[in-house]
Amino acid sequence: MALVDIPGSKSLTARALFLAAAADGVTTLRRPLRSDDTEGFAEGLTRLGYRVGRTPDVWQVDGRPQGPALTEADVHCRDGATTARFLPTLAAAGHGTYRFDASAQMRRRPLLPLTRALRDLGVDLRHEEAEGHHPLTVRAAGVEGGDVVLDAGQSSQYLTALLLLGPLTRTGLRVTVTDLVSAPYVEITIAMMRAFGVEVGREGNTYVVPPGGYRATTYAIEPDASTASYFFAAAALTGGEVTVPGLGRGALQGDLGFVDVLRRMGARVDVGEDRTTVAGTGGLHGVTVDMRDISDTMPTLAAIAPFATGPVRIEDVANTRVKECDRLDACAENLRRLGVEVATGHDWIEIRPGAGGSLTGADIKTHGDHRIVMSFAVTALRVPGISFDDPGCVRKTFPGFHEAFARLAKVLRKGGEG
C-alpha cells in the first residue's frame, strides 16, 4: 500500500486567500498549496496592497474589509483562472483604479458572464482589447449590491466570485443563476464563507448573500481532490493500493466523487472519516458517466479508459473545452497518438476498448495544460515510451508531481500488477 501526501487544494487556497483579504483581522491559513497559481494569487494581493506573510506551511493575511490599500495597481494574473476572475471582483469593492492582465493562455479564457454581472451591479469595468477577456481595468467605487442574473454554464467560478463579493457590498447580493456547471465547487464556496462568518441563503435558483463582511479565522486547507485523482487512478489501473490522508467523508471537494467512478469500474474504494483508499482488483469495466460536476477529472478517466473491458463514455463536459486548453480535443488527440479508437462530440468523448494491450508510446502534446500531463502520466504506468512536450507545466498546481508520481510508481510496481 502507498500512503500519498497530496498538496493542499488549489480551489480552497484561492478562496481562502480572497476571504482572508476581505475579512476583518488577521487570518492564518494552514497548509496552503504552493504552486504557480496560488503564488500568483498571493502576489496579486500584495500588488493591491494587502499584507501576505508566507512560510512553507503557514500563510497569514491582514484583511481589509474596505478593499485594497492602494488606489492604483497593475496586477498580472499569470495562468490562474481563479486569480483572473476573483481579484478584479475583490478590487471592485474598494476605491481606486486597478488594471489586470494575464498570460496568453489565460487571455483566451472567457470572463464575459462575470464582467457583465459586475457591470449590472454598477461596477465601472472596461475590457481593453477583446470584450470578455483580459486585459481589463476596474475603476472601483465600492459596490451597492442588489439583484443580478448570471449564466454560470461555462464556469462555476463566475458564481463563486459574486458570492464572495456579496458580504462586501453595502446592501447584500441576490444572484439568480440561469445555468450552472461544476455545482460542487459552489458548495465549497458556501461552506468556506460560513467558516468566515457568512451564511448564504438559497431561494430556488437565487443565492442570497447578506452584507456585513467577514470575520478573520484560522483555516486549514485540505488536500487537493483533483490532484488525488491521478494517484487513485494509478491504483485502479495497476492493481495496487493507494491511501490519501486528509480526504474523507467530510471533504468539501466534489472531485473526491471520482472514486465513485472508479468503484463503478471495479476498483475497491473505502472512504473513511479522514482518508480515502482505492485498490485495483485486476480489471476495469467500461462505464458511461456524466462528469458535469467533476469535469476536472475527465482527463484522468480518459487516460485509463483504454484499459477497460468495454467502452468508456464521458458526457456533459462541454465546459472542458474552455479550460487551459480544449481538454476534450487534447485527450482525443493524445489517445489516438497512442493507438486508441476515440470518438468525440460537442460535450462528450467515448474511448473504445481493444487497444489496451497494444498501445505504443508517443510524445504527449500537453498544450501547456497541467491536467493533460498528470493524466497521461497514469497511462504511462502501463505504456512504455510516453514523453511530454512540456512536462514542467505541472508547476501550475503541483510543482513536485513528477517526483511524487515516480515514487508511487516504484511502490506500485513492487506490489501491484503494473
Protein backbone atom coordinates (compact mmCIF):
# COMPACT_ATOMS: atom_id res chain seq x y z
CA MET A 1 0.00 0.00 0.00
CA ALA A 2 1.18 3.50 -0.85
CA LEU A 3 0.38 6.38 1.52
CA VAL A 4 0.38 9.54 -0.58
CA ASP A 5 0.69 13.07 0.80
CA ILE A 6 -1.25 15.31 -1.60
CA PRO A 7 -0.59 19.09 -1.56
CA GLY A 8 -3.34 21.47 -0.45
CA SER A 9 -6.32 22.19 -2.66
CA LYS A 10 -5.88 24.89 -5.27
CA SER A 11 -9.60 25.74 -5.15
CA LEU A 12 -9.65 26.06 -1.37
CA THR A 13 -6.40 28.05 -1.26
CA ALA A 14 -7.67 30.61 -3.77
CA ARG A 15 -10.99 31.05 -1.96
CA ALA A 16 -9.24 31.25 1.39
CA LEU A 17 -6.93 34.00 0.11
CA PHE A 18 -9.92 36.07 -1.08
CA LEU A 19 -11.78 35.53 2.20
CA ALA A 20 -8.71 36.33 4.27
CA ALA A 21 -8.08 39.54 2.33
CA ALA A 22 -11.71 40.61 2.77
CA ALA A 23 -12.00 39.68 6.47
CA ASP A 24 -11.70 41.95 9.48
CA GLY A 25 -8.48 40.91 11.20
CA VAL A 26 -5.54 38.61 10.54
CA THR A 27 -6.28 35.18 9.04
CA THR A 28 -3.93 32.22 9.30
CA LEU A 29 -4.03 29.63 6.50
CA ARG A 30 -2.52 26.26 7.34
CA ARG A 31 -1.03 24.00 4.67
CA PRO A 32 -1.96 26.16 1.66
CA LEU A 33 -0.98 24.96 -1.78
CA ARG A 34 2.29 26.43 -3.01
CA SER A 35 2.15 26.44 -6.79
CA ASP A 36 2.34 28.91 -9.65
CA ASP A 37 -1.40 29.61 -9.47
CA THR A 38 -1.59 30.23 -5.73
CA GLU A 39 1.68 32.14 -5.57
CA GLY A 40 0.29 34.30 -8.37
CA PHE A 41 -2.86 34.94 -6.37
CA ALA A 42 -0.87 35.90 -3.27
CA GLU A 43 1.38 38.13 -5.36
CA GLY A 44 -1.72 39.79 -6.84
CA LEU A 45 -3.00 40.57 -3.35
CA THR A 46 0.37 42.09 -2.50
CA ARG A 47 0.24 44.26 -5.63
CA LEU A 48 -3.16 45.55 -4.44
CA GLY A 49 -1.64 46.50 -1.08
CA TYR A 50 -2.62 43.58 1.15
CA ARG A 51 -0.02 42.15 3.52
CA VAL A 52 0.58 38.44 2.88
CA GLY A 53 3.16 36.67 5.05
CA ARG A 54 4.30 33.31 3.70
CA THR A 55 6.24 30.47 5.33
CA PRO A 56 6.32 26.93 3.88
CA ASP A 57 3.25 25.64 5.76
CA VAL A 58 1.50 28.76 7.05
CA TRP A 59 0.35 31.95 5.31
CA GLN A 60 -1.02 34.98 7.16
CA VAL A 61 -3.12 37.69 5.56
CA ASP A 62 -4.03 41.08 7.05
CA GLY A 63 -7.62 41.59 5.96
CA ARG A 64 -9.02 44.89 4.70
CA PRO A 65 -12.85 44.88 4.58
CA GLN A 66 -12.71 48.31 2.93
CA GLY A 67 -10.77 46.95 -0.07
CA PRO A 68 -7.22 47.26 -1.43
CA ALA A 69 -4.80 49.52 0.45
CA LEU A 70 -3.55 51.07 -2.78
CA THR A 71 -5.66 53.29 -5.01
CA GLU A 72 -3.76 52.29 -8.15
CA ALA A 73 -2.31 48.90 -9.07
CA ASP A 74 -1.29 46.81 -12.05
CA VAL A 75 -1.78 43.08 -11.45
CA HIS A 76 -0.60 40.18 -13.62
CA CYS A 77 -2.71 37.08 -13.02
CA ARG A 78 -0.35 34.60 -14.76
CA ASP A 79 -2.22 31.44 -15.85
CA GLY A 80 -4.59 31.39 -12.88
CA ALA A 81 -8.31 31.41 -13.65
CA THR A 82 -9.24 31.95 -10.01
CA THR A 83 -6.76 34.83 -9.80
CA ALA A 84 -8.03 36.35 -13.05
CA ARG A 85 -11.69 36.12 -12.00
CA PHE A 86 -11.58 36.64 -8.24
CA LEU A 87 -9.12 39.53 -7.89
CA PRO A 88 -10.93 42.03 -10.18
CA THR A 89 -14.11 41.19 -8.25
CA LEU A 90 -12.36 41.83 -4.92
CA ALA A 91 -10.90 45.09 -6.21
CA ALA A 92 -14.36 46.30 -7.28
CA ALA A 93 -15.31 46.54 -3.58
CA GLY A 94 -12.52 49.07 -2.97
CA HIS A 95 -11.81 52.57 -4.22
CA GLY A 96 -9.24 53.13 -6.95
CA THR A 97 -8.16 52.18 -10.44
CA TYR A 98 -6.91 48.63 -10.92
CA ARG A 99 -5.62 47.08 -14.13
CA PHE A 100 -5.47 43.30 -14.60
CA ASP A 101 -3.74 41.26 -17.28
CA ALA A 102 -2.81 37.59 -17.64
CA SER A 103 -0.80 35.10 -19.69
CA ALA A 104 -1.64 34.45 -23.34
CA GLN A 105 -3.33 31.21 -22.26
CA MET A 106 -5.49 32.95 -19.68
CA ARG A 107 -6.28 35.80 -22.07
CA ARG A 108 -8.03 33.23 -24.28
CA ARG A 109 -10.30 32.02 -21.48
CA PRO A 110 -13.73 33.68 -21.13
CA LEU A 111 -14.79 36.20 -18.48
CA LEU A 112 -17.82 37.88 -20.03
CA PRO A 113 -20.67 36.43 -17.91
CA LEU A 114 -18.86 37.63 -14.76
CA THR A 115 -17.90 41.04 -16.08
CA ARG A 116 -21.44 41.61 -17.41
CA ALA A 117 -22.82 40.81 -13.96
CA LEU A 118 -20.35 43.21 -12.31
CA ARG A 119 -21.37 45.94 -14.74
CA ASP A 120 -25.04 45.23 -13.99
CA LEU A 121 -24.16 45.91 -10.34
CA GLY A 122 -22.74 49.31 -11.30
CA VAL A 123 -19.03 48.43 -11.48
CA ASP A 124 -17.05 50.55 -13.97
CA LEU A 125 -15.15 47.76 -15.77
CA ARG A 126 -13.56 48.03 -19.22
CA HIS A 127 -12.00 45.30 -21.35
CA GLU A 128 -9.02 46.84 -23.11
CA GLU A 129 -8.83 44.53 -26.14
CA ALA A 130 -11.24 41.63 -26.70
CA GLU A 131 -14.60 42.01 -24.98
CA GLY A 132 -14.94 39.43 -22.21
CA HIS A 133 -11.20 38.76 -21.92
CA HIS A 134 -8.14 40.12 -20.16
CA PRO A 135 -6.66 42.71 -20.01
CA LEU A 136 -9.25 44.79 -18.15
CA THR A 137 -9.44 47.83 -15.88
CA VAL A 138 -11.71 48.31 -12.88
CA ARG A 139 -12.43 51.83 -11.67
CA ALA A 140 -13.76 50.95 -8.26
CA ALA A 141 -16.04 52.96 -6.02
CA GLY A 142 -17.47 50.18 -3.87
CA VAL A 143 -20.49 48.06 -4.83
CA GLU A 144 -24.01 48.91 -3.70
CA GLY A 145 -25.38 45.39 -4.13
CA GLY A 146 -28.83 44.32 -5.30
CA ASP A 147 -30.16 41.74 -7.75
CA VAL A 148 -28.24 40.26 -10.68
CA VAL A 149 -28.78 37.43 -13.17
CA LEU A 150 -25.83 35.19 -14.06
CA ASP A 151 -25.15 32.42 -16.58
CA ALA A 152 -22.56 30.13 -14.94
CA GLY A 153 -22.84 27.40 -17.57
CA GLN A 154 -19.19 27.85 -18.63
CA SER A 155 -17.67 28.11 -15.18
CA SER A 156 -18.89 27.98 -11.60
CA GLN A 157 -16.10 30.46 -10.79
CA TYR A 158 -18.33 33.27 -12.08
CA LEU A 159 -20.88 32.48 -9.38
CA THR A 160 -18.22 31.94 -6.72
CA ALA A 161 -16.71 35.37 -7.44
CA LEU A 162 -20.09 37.08 -6.97
CA LEU A 163 -20.92 35.12 -3.81
CA LEU A 164 -17.54 36.07 -2.31
CA LEU A 165 -18.22 39.71 -3.20
CA GLY A 166 -21.69 39.74 -1.61
CA PRO A 167 -20.75 40.50 2.03
CA LEU A 168 -18.54 43.39 0.85
CA THR A 169 -21.47 45.17 -0.83
CA ARG A 170 -23.43 47.84 1.00
CA THR A 171 -26.85 46.14 0.81
CA GLY A 172 -26.07 42.49 0.04
CA LEU A 173 -26.50 40.50 -3.12
CA ARG A 174 -29.12 38.28 -4.75
CA VAL A 175 -27.72 36.21 -7.63
CA THR A 176 -30.19 34.33 -9.85
CA VAL A 177 -28.44 31.61 -11.83
CA THR A 178 -29.81 30.54 -15.23
CA ASP A 179 -27.27 27.72 -15.76
CA LEU A 180 -24.55 26.19 -13.59
CA VAL A 181 -21.69 23.78 -14.21
CA SER A 182 -19.45 22.17 -11.55
CA ALA A 183 -22.01 22.84 -8.82
CA PRO A 184 -19.94 21.16 -6.04
CA TYR A 185 -17.42 23.99 -6.31
CA VAL A 186 -20.17 26.44 -5.33
CA GLU A 187 -20.88 24.31 -2.27
CA ILE A 188 -17.17 24.62 -1.38
CA THR A 189 -17.51 28.41 -1.60
CA ILE A 190 -20.61 28.50 0.60
CA ALA A 191 -19.02 26.23 3.23
CA MET A 192 -15.88 28.37 3.35
CA MET A 193 -17.87 31.60 3.59
CA ARG A 194 -19.63 30.04 6.59
CA ALA A 195 -16.24 29.40 8.20
CA PHE A 196 -15.52 33.13 7.81
CA GLY A 197 -18.82 34.12 9.43
CA VAL A 198 -21.24 34.49 6.49
CA GLU A 199 -24.32 32.35 5.85
CA VAL A 200 -25.51 32.21 2.22
CA GLY A 201 -29.23 31.61 1.68
CA ARG A 202 -30.92 29.89 -1.22
CA GLU A 203 -34.33 30.52 -2.78
CA GLY A 204 -34.64 28.16 -5.73
CA ASN A 205 -32.07 29.32 -8.30
CA THR A 206 -31.36 32.52 -6.37
CA TYR A 207 -28.47 32.80 -3.93
CA VAL A 208 -28.95 35.38 -1.17
CA VAL A 209 -25.81 36.90 0.40
CA PRO A 210 -26.15 39.33 3.32
CA PRO A 211 -23.94 42.41 3.79
CA GLY A 212 -21.77 42.84 6.86
CA GLY A 213 -18.35 41.48 5.91
CA TYR A 214 -16.23 38.53 7.02
CA ARG A 215 -14.59 37.53 10.29
CA ALA A 216 -10.89 36.54 10.30
CA THR A 217 -10.11 32.99 11.38
CA THR A 218 -7.58 30.16 11.23
CA TYR A 219 -8.32 27.88 8.31
CA ALA A 220 -6.73 24.54 7.36
CA ILE A 221 -6.59 23.67 3.65
CA GLU A 222 -7.49 20.06 2.83
CA PRO A 223 -5.54 18.08 0.18
CA ASP A 224 -6.46 18.67 -3.46
CA ALA A 225 -9.03 16.08 -4.57
CA SER A 226 -8.44 16.73 -8.29
CA THR A 227 -4.73 16.02 -7.82
CA ALA A 228 -5.56 12.91 -5.77
CA SER A 229 -7.48 11.52 -8.76
CA TYR A 230 -4.22 10.67 -10.59
CA PHE A 231 -2.97 8.63 -7.65
CA PHE A 232 -6.30 6.87 -7.15
CA ALA A 233 -6.45 6.09 -10.87
CA ALA A 234 -2.91 4.67 -10.72
CA ALA A 235 -4.01 2.20 -8.06
CA ALA A 236 -7.09 1.15 -10.01
CA LEU A 237 -5.04 0.70 -13.18
CA THR A 238 -2.15 -1.29 -11.73
CA GLY A 239 -3.87 -3.45 -9.12
CA GLY A 240 -2.07 -1.60 -6.35
CA GLU A 241 -3.48 0.28 -3.37
CA VAL A 242 -3.27 4.00 -2.58
CA THR A 243 -4.42 5.84 0.55
CA VAL A 244 -4.68 9.62 0.70
CA PRO A 245 -4.94 11.01 4.24
CA GLY A 246 -6.89 14.20 4.83
CA LEU A 247 -9.64 13.42 2.30
CA GLY A 248 -12.60 11.57 3.75
CA ARG A 249 -16.33 11.76 4.30
CA GLY A 250 -16.15 15.36 5.50
CA ALA A 251 -14.18 16.63 2.50
CA LEU A 252 -15.52 19.79 0.86
CA GLN A 253 -14.35 18.98 -2.66
CA GLY A 254 -16.75 17.34 -5.07
CA ASP A 255 -13.89 15.93 -7.13
CA LEU A 256 -13.48 13.24 -4.49
CA GLY A 257 -16.52 11.79 -6.26
CA PHE A 258 -14.09 10.49 -8.87
CA VAL A 259 -13.52 7.47 -6.62
CA ASP A 260 -17.19 6.53 -7.14
CA VAL A 261 -16.46 6.29 -10.87
CA LEU A 262 -13.52 4.01 -10.11
CA ARG A 263 -15.80 1.90 -7.89
CA ARG A 264 -18.26 1.53 -10.78
CA MET A 265 -15.37 0.36 -12.95
CA GLY A 266 -14.46 -2.37 -10.46
CA ALA A 267 -11.96 -0.83 -8.05
CA ARG A 268 -12.32 -1.30 -4.33
CA VAL A 269 -12.95 2.03 -2.59
CA ASP A 270 -13.05 2.86 1.10
CA VAL A 271 -13.90 6.42 2.12
CA GLY A 272 -13.17 6.86 5.84
CA GLU A 273 -13.57 9.76 8.20
CA ASP A 274 -10.25 11.37 7.27
CA ARG A 275 -8.77 9.26 4.50
CA THR A 276 -9.69 7.51 1.26
CA THR A 277 -8.25 4.26 -0.10
CA VAL A 278 -8.53 2.90 -3.62
CA ALA A 279 -7.31 -0.58 -4.58
CA GLY A 280 -7.24 -2.13 -8.03
CA THR A 281 -8.89 -5.53 -8.46
CA GLY A 282 -7.20 -6.69 -11.64
CA GLY A 283 -9.50 -5.15 -14.24
CA LEU A 284 -11.59 -2.14 -15.19
CA HIS A 285 -15.13 -2.23 -16.61
CA GLY A 286 -16.49 0.12 -19.24
CA VAL A 287 -18.75 2.87 -17.97
CA THR A 288 -20.95 5.73 -19.12
CA VAL A 289 -20.70 8.65 -16.73
CA ASP A 290 -21.96 12.24 -16.53
CA MET A 291 -18.98 14.27 -15.30
CA ARG A 292 -20.57 17.74 -15.38
CA ASP A 293 -19.97 18.19 -11.66
CA ILE A 294 -16.43 16.71 -11.60
CA SER A 295 -15.19 17.75 -15.02
CA ASP A 296 -11.61 18.47 -13.89
CA THR A 297 -11.20 14.69 -13.51
CA MET A 298 -12.41 13.95 -17.03
CA PRO A 299 -8.84 13.68 -18.40
CA THR A 300 -7.94 11.27 -15.58
CA LEU A 301 -10.73 8.91 -16.61
CA ALA A 302 -9.90 9.31 -20.29
CA ALA A 303 -6.28 8.35 -19.58
CA ILE A 304 -7.19 4.98 -18.01
CA ALA A 305 -10.15 4.25 -20.29
CA PRO A 306 -8.13 2.31 -22.93
CA PHE A 307 -7.56 -0.44 -20.37
CA ALA A 308 -11.26 -1.04 -19.63
CA THR A 309 -13.07 -4.12 -20.89
CA GLY A 310 -15.79 -2.03 -22.57
CA PRO A 311 -16.32 1.47 -23.92
CA VAL A 312 -15.88 4.42 -21.58
CA ARG A 313 -18.19 7.29 -22.47
CA ILE A 314 -17.89 10.63 -20.64
CA GLU A 315 -20.81 13.01 -21.06
CA ASP A 316 -21.84 16.61 -20.29
CA VAL A 317 -18.33 18.07 -20.22
CA ALA A 318 -18.60 20.88 -22.77
CA ASN A 319 -17.02 23.26 -20.26
CA THR A 320 -13.72 21.35 -20.51
CA ARG A 321 -13.30 22.94 -23.93
CA VAL A 322 -12.63 26.34 -22.31
CA LYS A 323 -10.08 25.30 -19.70
CA GLU A 324 -6.30 25.73 -20.05
CA CYS A 325 -6.84 24.08 -23.42
CA ASP A 326 -9.69 22.27 -25.18
CA ARG A 327 -9.35 19.20 -22.96
CA LEU A 328 -11.81 17.09 -24.92
CA ASP A 329 -9.84 17.50 -28.13
CA ALA A 330 -6.49 17.23 -26.33
CA CYS A 331 -7.46 13.91 -24.73
CA ALA A 332 -8.77 12.57 -28.03
CA GLU A 333 -5.67 13.71 -29.92
CA ASN A 334 -3.26 12.10 -27.48
CA LEU A 335 -5.20 8.86 -27.12
CA ARG A 336 -5.18 8.48 -30.91
CA ARG A 337 -1.44 9.09 -30.93
CA LEU A 338 -1.16 6.10 -28.58
CA GLY A 339 -3.28 3.94 -30.89
CA VAL A 340 -6.69 4.22 -29.19
CA GLU A 341 -10.01 4.48 -31.03
CA VAL A 342 -11.83 7.62 -29.86
CA ALA A 343 -14.98 9.50 -30.85
CA THR A 344 -16.00 12.96 -29.61
CA GLY A 345 -18.94 15.35 -29.78
CA HIS A 346 -19.66 18.83 -28.51
CA ASP A 347 -19.87 17.70 -24.87
CA TRP A 348 -18.78 14.05 -24.83
CA ILE A 349 -15.92 11.68 -25.52
CA GLU A 350 -16.03 7.91 -25.98
CA ILE A 351 -12.93 5.75 -25.65
CA ARG A 352 -13.29 2.29 -27.13
CA PRO A 353 -11.65 -0.89 -25.85
CA GLY A 354 -9.41 -3.31 -27.67
CA ALA A 355 -6.13 -1.44 -27.80
CA GLY A 356 -5.20 -1.50 -24.11
CA GLY A 357 -2.67 -4.28 -24.57
CA SER A 358 -1.10 -2.94 -27.76
CA LEU A 359 -0.64 0.77 -27.19
CA THR A 360 2.55 2.38 -28.39
CA GLY A 361 4.44 5.17 -26.69
CA ALA A 362 4.25 8.70 -28.06
CA ASP A 363 5.13 12.27 -27.23
CA ILE A 364 2.05 13.69 -25.50
CA LYS A 365 1.00 17.13 -26.71
CA THR A 366 0.23 18.90 -23.45
CA HIS A 367 -0.97 22.27 -24.80
CA GLY A 368 0.57 23.72 -21.63
CA ASP A 369 -2.15 22.04 -19.54
CA HIS A 370 -1.09 20.55 -16.21
CA ARG A 371 -4.03 18.12 -16.16
CA ILE A 372 -3.09 16.60 -19.52
CA VAL A 373 0.41 15.85 -18.21
CA MET A 374 -0.72 14.38 -14.89
CA SER A 375 -3.45 12.27 -16.51
CA PHE A 376 -1.22 10.70 -19.15
CA ALA A 377 1.44 10.05 -16.52
CA VAL A 378 -1.07 7.45 -15.26
CA THR A 379 -1.31 5.92 -18.75
CA ALA A 380 2.49 5.71 -18.77
CA LEU A 381 2.34 3.19 -15.92
CA ARG A 382 1.13 0.68 -18.49
CA VAL A 383 2.55 2.06 -21.74
CA PRO A 384 6.34 2.44 -22.08
CA GLY A 385 7.79 5.22 -24.19
CA ILE A 386 5.41 8.05 -23.24
CA SER A 387 7.01 11.51 -23.03
CA PHE A 388 5.65 15.06 -22.74
CA ASP A 389 6.42 18.15 -24.78
CA ASP A 390 6.00 20.40 -21.71
CA PRO A 391 6.34 18.34 -18.51
CA GLY A 392 7.07 21.43 -16.42
CA CYS A 393 3.57 22.89 -16.78
CA VAL A 394 2.57 20.85 -13.70
CA ARG A 395 4.03 23.73 -11.64
CA LYS A 396 0.61 25.38 -12.05
CA THR A 397 -0.84 23.15 -9.31
CA PHE A 398 1.77 20.58 -8.21
CA PRO A 399 5.43 21.51 -8.83
CA GLY A 400 6.65 18.23 -7.30
CA PHE A 401 4.26 15.98 -9.22
CA HIS A 402 6.81 14.06 -11.30
CA GLU A 403 8.94 13.19 -8.29
CA ALA A 404 5.91 12.16 -6.21
CA PHE A 405 4.44 10.08 -9.03
CA ALA A 406 7.79 8.36 -9.67
CA ARG A 407 7.90 7.34 -6.01
CA LEU A 408 4.36 5.99 -6.26
CA ALA A 409 5.16 4.09 -9.46
CA LYS A 410 8.07 2.38 -7.74
CA VAL A 411 5.83 1.20 -4.92
CA LEU A 412 3.06 0.04 -7.24
CA ARG A 413 5.45 -1.87 -9.47
CA LYS A 414 6.78 -3.74 -6.45
CA GLY A 415 3.37 -4.67 -5.06
CA GLY A 416 0.89 -4.45 -7.94
CA GLU A 417 0.42 -5.72 -11.45
CA GLY A 418 1.80 -2.63 -13.16
